[in-house]
């Protein structure tokens, strides 16, 4: 060890310009790293994750698990570089998280999950959604809407068309997921004699309304 130290000291004394050049190079590299290294309040050190949320209004947690979560999990078991699949089933809501190996590309993972999701056989009217990528903080806020004067349908309309749009406009918000309430619907009653009179069918009316 003493010979190595003496050798380094001797080399430094014999070649001062080389030592000066190496020192300057280290200083420049350090300054470059200091100014260009990204700094985040909450660094994302987690593995790549894909979250699939499915709503099935009015169904119990047991029904959601049996008809929604289990078929999706079965299909996702063959996805590449998967390490674990976790699911949470609530009243009318299925929450599935797929965790991938470290270093897995987020875009490719989401694309493969979306492709496999299209192959899952689910009940009519059920549309699962692959959630946008979020930061390490993940879900940061939950709220409920209650009113003594407004109905569940009015609250749902307020959430979908006012509150959700304003929240999505906030910088940094990845997505807003809502469930519960009643979606406002319109019913159209056709009169068969009038359809015959104008040479129309029920399908023509349906197409026009779309």
Foldseek 3Di string as FASTA:
>chain_A
DVVVVVVVVVVCVVCVVVVVVVVVVVVVVVVVCVVPPDDDPDAFPFAQKKKKKKFDAPAAQVCCCVQPVVLLVVLCVPQPQWDDKDWDGHHRMIIIMTGGDHPDDNVVSLVSSVVSVVVGDHDPPMDMDTFFDAGPVPDDDDDDDDDPPDALQVVVCCVVPPVQVVVVPDPRDRHDDDDDGDHDDDDDDDDVVVCVVVVHDPVVVVVVVD
